[in-house]
Structure formats: structure tokens, C-alpha cells
N, C-alpha and C. Protein backbone atom coordinates (compact mmCIF):
# COMPACT_ATOMS: atom_id res chain seq x y z
N MET A 1 17.40 -16.13 18.15
CA MET A 1 17.18 -15.46 17.02
C MET A 1 18.31 -13.82 16.94
N THR A 2 18.52 -13.64 16.12
CA THR A 2 19.40 -12.48 16.29
C THR A 2 18.88 -11.33 16.10
N TYR A 3 19.33 -9.82 16.58
CA TYR A 3 18.28 -8.46 16.23
C TYR A 3 18.00 -8.11 15.11
N LYS A 4 19.28 -8.57 13.97
CA LYS A 4 19.08 -8.28 12.56
C LYS A 4 17.62 -8.82 11.92
N LYS A 5 17.77 -10.47 12.25
CA LYS A 5 16.88 -11.37 11.76
C LYS A 5 15.36 -11.04 12.44
N ILE A 6 15.51 -10.28 13.68
CA ILE A 6 14.19 -10.16 14.06
C ILE A 6 13.65 -8.75 13.37
N MET A 7 14.32 -7.99 13.06
CA MET A 7 14.10 -6.64 12.52
C MET A 7 13.44 -6.87 11.03
N GLN A 8 14.43 -7.79 10.41
CA GLN A 8 14.09 -8.24 9.06
C GLN A 8 12.54 -8.81 9.03
N ASN A 9 12.27 -9.95 9.81
CA ASN A 9 10.92 -10.37 10.26
C ASN A 9 9.94 -9.00 10.39
N THR A 10 10.19 -8.53 11.51
CA THR A 10 9.53 -7.26 11.63
C THR A 10 9.14 -6.69 10.52
N LEU A 11 9.91 -6.17 9.70
CA LEU A 11 9.99 -5.25 8.50
C LEU A 11 8.97 -6.01 7.40
N HIS A 12 9.53 -7.20 7.14
CA HIS A 12 8.63 -8.15 6.68
C HIS A 12 7.05 -8.08 6.74
N GLN A 13 6.79 -8.21 7.96
CA GLN A 13 5.37 -8.47 8.51
C GLN A 13 4.90 -7.20 8.19
N ASP A 14 5.57 -6.05 8.46
CA ASP A 14 5.01 -4.48 8.24
C ASP A 14 4.79 -4.57 6.67
N ILE A 15 5.62 -5.03 5.73
CA ILE A 15 4.96 -4.81 4.09
C ILE A 15 3.76 -5.66 3.95
N ILE A 16 3.90 -6.88 4.47
CA ILE A 16 2.69 -7.48 4.14
C ILE A 16 1.46 -7.04 4.61
N ASP A 17 1.28 -6.55 5.79
CA ASP A 17 0.23 -5.72 6.71
C ASP A 17 -0.13 -4.20 5.98
N LEU A 18 0.77 -3.64 5.30
CA LEU A 18 0.56 -2.47 4.47
C LEU A 18 -0.19 -2.96 3.23
N GLU A 19 0.55 -3.95 2.52
CA GLU A 19 -0.16 -4.19 1.20
C GLU A 19 -1.92 -5.12 1.54
N ASP A 20 -1.91 -5.57 2.53
CA ASP A 20 -3.08 -5.88 3.00
C ASP A 20 -4.32 -4.71 3.37
N ASN A 21 -3.51 -3.83 4.14
CA ASN A 21 -4.54 -2.68 4.09
C ASN A 21 -4.52 -1.88 2.84
N ILE A 22 -3.45 -1.52 2.04
CA ILE A 22 -3.92 -1.33 0.60
C ILE A 22 -5.09 -1.59 -0.35
N LEU A 23 -5.22 -2.91 -0.11
CA LEU A 23 -6.19 -3.65 -0.75
C LEU A 23 -7.68 -3.48 -0.09
N GLN A 24 -7.59 -3.43 1.36
CA GLN A 24 -8.92 -3.24 1.96
C GLN A 24 -9.16 -1.35 1.92
N VAL A 25 -8.43 -0.60 1.54
CA VAL A 25 -9.00 0.53 1.49
C VAL A 25 -9.17 1.00 0.29
N GLU A 26 -8.70 0.06 -0.83
CA GLU A 26 -9.30 0.07 -2.28
C GLU A 26 -10.52 -0.62 -2.18
N ASP A 27 -10.97 -1.55 -1.79
CA ASP A 27 -12.12 -2.05 -1.60
C ASP A 27 -13.45 -1.11 -1.04
N SER A 28 -12.74 -0.33 0.31
CA SER A 28 -13.60 0.81 0.42
C SER A 28 -14.10 1.91 -0.32
N ILE A 29 -12.93 2.18 -0.93
CA ILE A 29 -13.17 3.35 -2.29
C ILE A 29 -14.14 2.85 -2.97
N ILE A 30 -14.21 1.76 -3.76
CA ILE A 30 -15.32 1.03 -4.60
C ILE A 30 -16.64 1.04 -3.81
N GLU A 31 -16.63 0.64 -2.39
CA GLU A 31 -17.91 1.06 -1.98
C GLU A 31 -18.47 2.37 -1.80
N PHE A 32 -17.63 3.03 -1.30
CA PHE A 32 -17.84 4.42 -0.90
C PHE A 32 -18.14 5.19 -2.86
N LEU A 33 -17.67 4.89 -3.70
CA LEU A 33 -18.29 5.24 -4.90
C LEU A 33 -19.53 4.76 -5.39
N ARG A 34 -19.55 3.69 -4.64
CA ARG A 34 -21.13 2.89 -5.00
C ARG A 34 -22.24 3.51 -4.29
N LEU A 35 -21.90 4.39 -3.24
CA LEU A 35 -22.86 4.62 -2.26
C LEU A 35 -22.81 6.16 -2.62
N ASN A 36 -22.10 7.16 -3.06
CA ASN A 36 -21.45 8.31 -3.39
C ASN A 36 -21.27 9.06 -2.29
N TYR A 37 -20.72 8.36 -1.29
CA TYR A 37 -20.16 9.13 0.04
C TYR A 37 -18.70 9.30 -0.35
N ASP A 38 -18.91 10.96 -0.89
CA ASP A 38 -17.51 11.67 -1.05
C ASP A 38 -16.60 11.89 0.37
N GLU A 39 -17.28 12.14 1.25
CA GLU A 39 -16.15 12.19 2.37
C GLU A 39 -15.48 10.85 2.97
N GLY A 40 -15.72 9.86 2.38
CA GLY A 40 -15.22 8.43 2.76
C GLY A 40 -14.24 8.22 1.64
N ILE A 41 -14.95 8.77 0.37
CA ILE A 41 -13.84 8.43 -0.60
C ILE A 41 -12.67 9.34 -0.71
N LYS A 42 -12.74 10.64 0.04
CA LYS A 42 -11.76 11.81 0.25
C LYS A 42 -10.88 11.08 1.09
N LYS A 43 -10.98 10.50 2.27
CA LYS A 43 -10.47 9.61 3.62
C LYS A 43 -9.70 9.03 2.83
N SER A 44 -10.62 7.84 2.07
CA SER A 44 -9.89 6.81 1.71
C SER A 44 -8.81 6.98 0.89
N LEU A 45 -8.89 7.96 0.11
CA LEU A 45 -7.88 8.38 -0.52
C LEU A 45 -6.53 9.06 -0.23
N HIS A 46 -6.84 9.50 0.81
CA HIS A 46 -5.40 10.12 1.72
C HIS A 46 -4.88 9.29 2.33
N GLN A 47 -5.69 8.44 2.59
CA GLN A 47 -5.11 6.75 3.48
C GLN A 47 -4.58 5.78 2.47
N LEU A 48 -4.99 5.79 1.25
CA LEU A 48 -4.25 4.98 0.47
C LEU A 48 -3.13 5.64 -0.10
N GLU A 49 -2.98 7.09 -0.53
CA GLU A 49 -2.10 7.51 -0.74
C GLU A 49 -0.48 7.44 0.43
N SER A 50 -0.98 7.66 1.27
CA SER A 50 -0.12 7.57 2.92
C SER A 50 0.52 6.25 2.77
N ASP A 51 -0.18 5.52 2.86
CA ASP A 51 0.11 3.67 2.77
C ASP A 51 0.98 3.33 1.61
N LEU A 52 0.77 3.83 0.42
CA LEU A 52 1.68 3.70 -0.81
C LEU A 52 3.10 4.52 -0.34
N LYS A 53 3.18 5.49 0.03
CA LYS A 53 4.49 6.31 -0.06
C LYS A 53 4.94 5.51 1.08
N TYR A 54 4.07 5.07 2.40
CA TYR A 54 5.02 4.44 3.32
C TYR A 54 5.34 2.83 3.14
N LEU A 55 4.98 2.08 2.20
CA LEU A 55 5.30 1.11 1.50
C LEU A 55 6.57 1.28 0.50
N SER A 56 6.53 2.48 -0.34
CA SER A 56 7.61 2.41 -0.76
C SER A 56 9.13 3.05 -0.20
N ILE A 57 8.82 3.66 0.87
CA ILE A 57 9.95 3.82 1.90
C ILE A 57 10.44 2.41 2.56
N LEU A 58 9.58 1.86 3.23
CA LEU A 58 9.90 0.59 3.85
C LEU A 58 10.81 -0.57 2.37
N ALA A 59 10.16 -0.43 1.51
CA ALA A 59 10.67 -1.44 0.59
C ALA A 59 12.27 -0.91 -0.21
N ASN A 60 12.03 0.49 -0.11
CA ASN A 60 13.43 1.03 -0.80
C ASN A 60 14.40 0.99 0.61
N GLY A 61 14.48 0.97 1.82
CA GLY A 61 15.30 0.88 2.63
C GLY A 61 15.48 -0.97 3.22
N ALA A 62 14.68 -1.71 2.85
CA ALA A 62 14.85 -2.97 3.18
C ALA A 62 15.65 -4.01 2.57
N PRO A 63 16.35 -4.63 3.33
CA PRO A 63 17.17 -5.91 2.82
C PRO A 63 16.34 -7.08 2.61
N MET A 64 16.13 -7.26 1.11
CA MET A 64 15.41 -7.97 0.46
C MET A 64 16.15 -8.67 -0.46
N ASP A 65 15.49 -9.94 -0.98
CA ASP A 65 16.25 -10.86 -2.25
C ASP A 65 15.54 -9.70 -3.38
N LYS A 66 16.03 -10.36 -4.56
CA LYS A 66 15.80 -9.77 -6.02
C LYS A 66 14.31 -9.97 -6.15
N ASN A 67 13.72 -11.25 -5.75
CA ASN A 67 12.54 -11.55 -6.28
C ASN A 67 11.69 -10.91 -5.45
N GLU A 68 11.57 -10.88 -4.29
CA GLU A 68 10.90 -10.19 -3.01
C GLU A 68 11.01 -8.69 -3.32
N ASP A 69 11.80 -7.73 -4.11
CA ASP A 69 11.91 -6.57 -4.02
C ASP A 69 11.10 -6.13 -5.52
N ARG A 70 11.39 -7.19 -6.49
CA ARG A 70 10.62 -6.99 -7.64
C ARG A 70 9.05 -7.11 -7.56
N ARG A 71 8.69 -8.14 -6.65
CA ARG A 71 7.17 -8.24 -5.92
C ARG A 71 6.77 -6.94 -5.74
N ILE A 72 7.59 -6.58 -4.66
CA ILE A 72 7.03 -5.43 -4.07
C ILE A 72 6.66 -4.00 -5.06
N MET A 73 7.85 -3.75 -5.75
CA MET A 73 7.64 -2.93 -6.55
C MET A 73 6.57 -2.96 -7.59
N ASP A 74 6.36 -4.39 -8.01
CA ASP A 74 5.13 -4.18 -9.08
C ASP A 74 4.04 -4.17 -8.51
N PHE A 75 3.89 -4.54 -6.96
CA PHE A 75 2.35 -4.22 -6.37
C PHE A 75 2.15 -2.81 -6.31
N LEU A 76 3.62 -1.72 -5.75
CA LEU A 76 3.75 -0.74 -5.92
C LEU A 76 3.08 0.05 -7.46
N ARG A 77 3.41 -0.44 -8.41
CA ARG A 77 3.35 0.32 -9.58
C ARG A 77 1.69 0.06 -9.65
N VAL A 78 1.22 -1.23 -9.67
CA VAL A 78 -0.21 -1.32 -9.95
C VAL A 78 -1.11 -0.44 -9.22
N HIS A 79 -0.72 -0.38 -7.90
CA HIS A 79 -1.78 0.08 -6.96
C HIS A 79 -1.60 1.54 -7.05
N TYR A 80 -0.56 2.22 -7.19
CA TYR A 80 -0.18 4.01 -7.54
C TYR A 80 -1.07 4.23 -8.95
N ASN A 81 -0.81 3.04 -9.69
CA ASN A 81 -1.61 3.46 -10.91
C ASN A 81 -3.03 3.28 -10.82
N TYR A 82 -3.65 2.93 -9.98
CA TYR A 82 -4.97 2.40 -9.59
C TYR A 82 -5.14 3.83 -9.01
N PHE A 83 -4.48 4.18 -8.13
CA PHE A 83 -4.81 5.26 -7.05
C PHE A 83 -4.98 6.41 -8.19
N GLN A 84 -3.99 6.60 -8.99
CA GLN A 84 -3.92 7.90 -9.94
C GLN A 84 -5.25 8.17 -10.55
N LYS A 85 -5.94 6.84 -10.87
CA LYS A 85 -7.10 6.61 -11.76
C LYS A 85 -8.15 7.02 -10.99
N LEU A 86 -8.32 6.64 -9.54
CA LEU A 86 -9.01 7.15 -8.70
C LEU A 86 -9.23 8.50 -8.07
N SER A 87 -8.04 8.97 -8.32
CA SER A 87 -7.78 10.42 -7.86
C SER A 87 -8.05 11.40 -8.72
N VAL A 88 -8.44 10.87 -10.11
CA VAL A 88 -8.88 11.96 -11.24
C VAL A 88 -10.11 12.27 -11.11
N PRO A 89 -10.72 13.41 -11.16
CA PRO A 89 -12.39 13.77 -10.82
C PRO A 89 -12.77 13.44 -12.45
N ALA A 90 -14.05 13.06 -12.02
CA ALA A 90 -15.15 12.85 -13.48
C ALA A 90 -15.31 13.76 -13.93
């Protein structure tokens, strides 16, 4: 396997891992909201913002096909909107 192929596989796995982590953090936020655990909410929102930014950076620099790029951009759009709604104080 070539170095380029290894890097593409690693990058693809990093993107998948970030998407999974974003979903887990969102689940944690929902649980923290239910428990009124403000510190957990703050930490999770910070983690969510960080993960979304990192995913955006990876996706924008990654060599991928158009369908994969569209899927990631849709994922980012949906979850960034979700982040914005969660960040607005009630």
C-alpha cells in the first residue's frame, strides 16, 4: 500500500471517528440537560464546538469524492445548527 493510500485511509477513519464522537457528545448534552448538570453541559458544548471545527478542517483539506464530501458537509451543517440551538441560553 502506498503512503498516499495509507494517509487517505487514516484521514477517512479520523473523519468517521469525529462524526461518532460528535454524536456521543450530543447524547451527553441531552443527558446533562435532563439532569440540569451545568458544568457538564458547558464542557460538552466546548467539546462539540471543537470537534465540529476540526471535522470541518479535515473535510475541507481531504481528497475525497463528491458524494463523500457532500455527506460530510451535510453532517456538519446539521450538527452545527444543532450546536447553535443548544448554545442559545433559554
